C-alpha atoms as a PDB file:
ATOM      1  CA  MET A   1      53.959   1.448  35.647  1.00  0.00           C
ATOM      2  CA  THR A   2      50.696   3.596  35.144  1.00  0.00           C
ATOM      3  CA  ASP A   3      47.347   1.714  34.528  1.00  0.00           C
ATOM      4  CA  ALA A   4      46.162   2.655  30.856  1.00  0.00           C
ATOM      5  CA  THR A   5      42.694   2.855  31.916  1.00  0.00           C
ATOM      6  CA  SER A   6      43.573   5.972  34.189  1.00  0.00           C
ATOM      7  CA  THR A   7      45.319   7.581  31.270  1.00  0.00           C
ATOM      8  CA  GLU A   8      43.285   7.059  28.485  1.00  0.00           C
ATOM      9  CA  SER A   9      40.779   9.693  26.995  1.00  0.00           C
ATOM     10  CA  ILE A  10      37.074   8.261  27.247  1.00  0.00           C
ATOM     11  CA  ASP A  11      35.145   8.799  24.039  1.00  0.00           C
ATOM     12  CA  GLY A  12      31.614  10.145  24.837  1.00  0.00           C
ATOM     13  CA  ARG A  13      30.174   8.853  21.818  1.00  0.00           C
ATOM     14  CA  THR A  14      31.683   5.391  22.642  1.00  0.00           C
ATOM     15  CA  VAL A  15      30.158   5.417  26.316  1.00  0.00           C
ATOM     16  CA  ASP A  16      26.926   6.901  24.727  1.00  0.00           C
ATOM     17  CA  ARG A  17      26.697   3.769  22.117  1.00  0.00           C
ATOM     18  CA  ILE A  18      27.290   1.267  25.127  1.00  0.00           C
ATOM     19  CA  HIS A  19      24.630   3.200  27.188  1.00  0.00           C
ATOM     20  CA  SER A  20      22.020   2.927  24.318  1.00  0.00           C
ATOM     21  CA  LEU A  21      22.221  -1.001  24.041  1.00  0.00           C
ATOM     22  CA  SER A  22      19.567  -3.356  25.143  1.00  0.00           C
ATOM     23  CA  ARG A  23      20.773  -6.081  27.755  1.00  0.00           C
ATOM     24  CA  GLU A  24      20.099  -8.652  24.590  1.00  0.00           C
ATOM     25  CA  GLU A  25      22.463  -6.584  22.448  1.00  0.00           C
ATOM     26  CA  MET A  26      24.986  -6.519  25.064  1.00  0.00           C
ATOM     27  CA  ALA A  27      24.627 -10.288  25.647  1.00  0.00           C
ATOM     28  CA  SER A  28      25.030 -10.831  21.903  1.00  0.00           C
ATOM     29  CA  LEU A  29      28.070  -8.674  21.576  1.00  0.00           C
ATOM     30  CA  TRP A  30      29.732 -10.001  24.446  1.00  0.00           C
ATOM     31  CA  ARG A  31      29.421 -13.593  23.277  1.00  0.00           C
ATOM     32  CA  PHE A  32      30.110 -13.080  19.779  1.00  0.00           C
ATOM     33  CA  ALA A  33      32.605  -9.991  19.741  1.00  0.00           C
ATOM     34  CA  PRO A  34      35.631 -10.819  18.003  1.00  0.00           C
ATOM     35  CA  ALA A  35      38.994 -11.235  20.151  1.00  0.00           C
ATOM     36  CA  GLY A  36      40.369  -7.616  21.087  1.00  0.00           C
ATOM     37  CA  HIS A  37      36.923  -5.892  20.829  1.00  0.00           C
ATOM     38  CA  LEU A  38      36.831  -2.406  22.112  1.00  0.00           C
ATOM     39  CA  TYR A  39      34.418  -3.292  24.636  1.00  0.00           C
ATOM     40  CA  PHE A  40      36.423  -6.423  25.801  1.00  0.00           C
ATOM     41  CA  ASP A  41      39.882  -4.842  25.856  1.00  0.00           C
ATOM     42  CA  THR A  42      40.472  -4.928  30.176  1.00  0.00           C
ATOM     43  CA  THR A  43      43.377  -2.498  29.549  1.00  0.00           C
ATOM     44  CA  ARG A  44      40.943   0.236  28.451  1.00  0.00           C
ATOM     45  CA  PRO A  45      38.259   2.241  30.213  1.00  0.00           C
ATOM     46  CA  TYR A  46      35.541   0.905  27.873  1.00  0.00           C
ATOM     47  CA  TYR A  47      35.433  -2.418  29.734  1.00  0.00           C
ATOM     48  CA  GLU A  48      34.379  -1.295  32.933  1.00  0.00           C
ATOM     49  CA  ILE A  49      31.966   1.252  31.259  1.00  0.00           C
ATOM     50  CA  PHE A  50      30.324  -2.031  29.682  1.00  0.00           C
ATOM     51  CA  ARG A  51      30.300  -4.270  32.367  1.00  0.00           C
ATOM     52  CA  LYS A  52      29.124  -1.988  34.788  1.00  0.00           C
ATOM     53  CA  ARG A  53      25.749  -0.904  32.804  1.00  0.00           C
ATOM     54  CA  PHE A  54      25.398  -4.972  31.421  1.00  0.00           C
ATOM     55  CA  ASP A  55      25.534  -6.007  35.348  1.00  0.00           C
ATOM     56  CA  GLU A  56      22.845  -3.025  35.908  1.00  0.00           C
ATOM     57  CA  LEU A  57      20.427  -4.470  33.198  1.00  0.00           C
ATOM     58  CA  GLY A  58      20.594  -7.826  34.716  1.00  0.00           C
ATOM     59  CA  GLY A  59      23.274  -9.399  32.781  1.00  0.00           C
ATOM     60  CA  PHE A  60      23.293 -12.839  31.438  1.00  0.00           C
ATOM     61  CA  SER A  61      20.062 -14.986  32.467  1.00  0.00           C
ATOM     62  CA  PRO A  62      19.144 -18.564  30.926  1.00  0.00           C
ATOM     63  CA  ALA A  63      16.471 -16.559  28.550  1.00  0.00           C
ATOM     64  CA  ILE A  64      19.005 -14.327  27.180  1.00  0.00           C
ATOM     65  CA  SER A  65      21.383 -17.107  26.459  1.00  0.00           C
ATOM     66  CA  LYS A  66      18.449 -19.246  24.655  1.00  0.00           C
ATOM     67  CA  ALA A  67      17.700 -16.201  22.953  1.00  0.00           C
ATOM     68  CA  ILE A  68      20.979 -15.143  21.472  1.00  0.00           C
ATOM     69  CA  GLY A  69      22.072 -18.916  20.820  1.00  0.00           C
ATOM     70  CA  TRP A  70      25.525 -20.142  20.330  1.00  0.00           C
END
């Protein structure tokens, strides 16, 4: 079985969009994105790109969580 992330072509515009998001935008997207969102599909390469960038920015914090709410 082939891992989907190793065979899928990565769209540079999508990667650029991920890298342009602020920490708060990423946290909000993480919390409120609909099920199946491109960035959170673990079978696609964008999940790892998003996750790495969000972690580099500091990920969730109590302040970010309070700012974006539920």
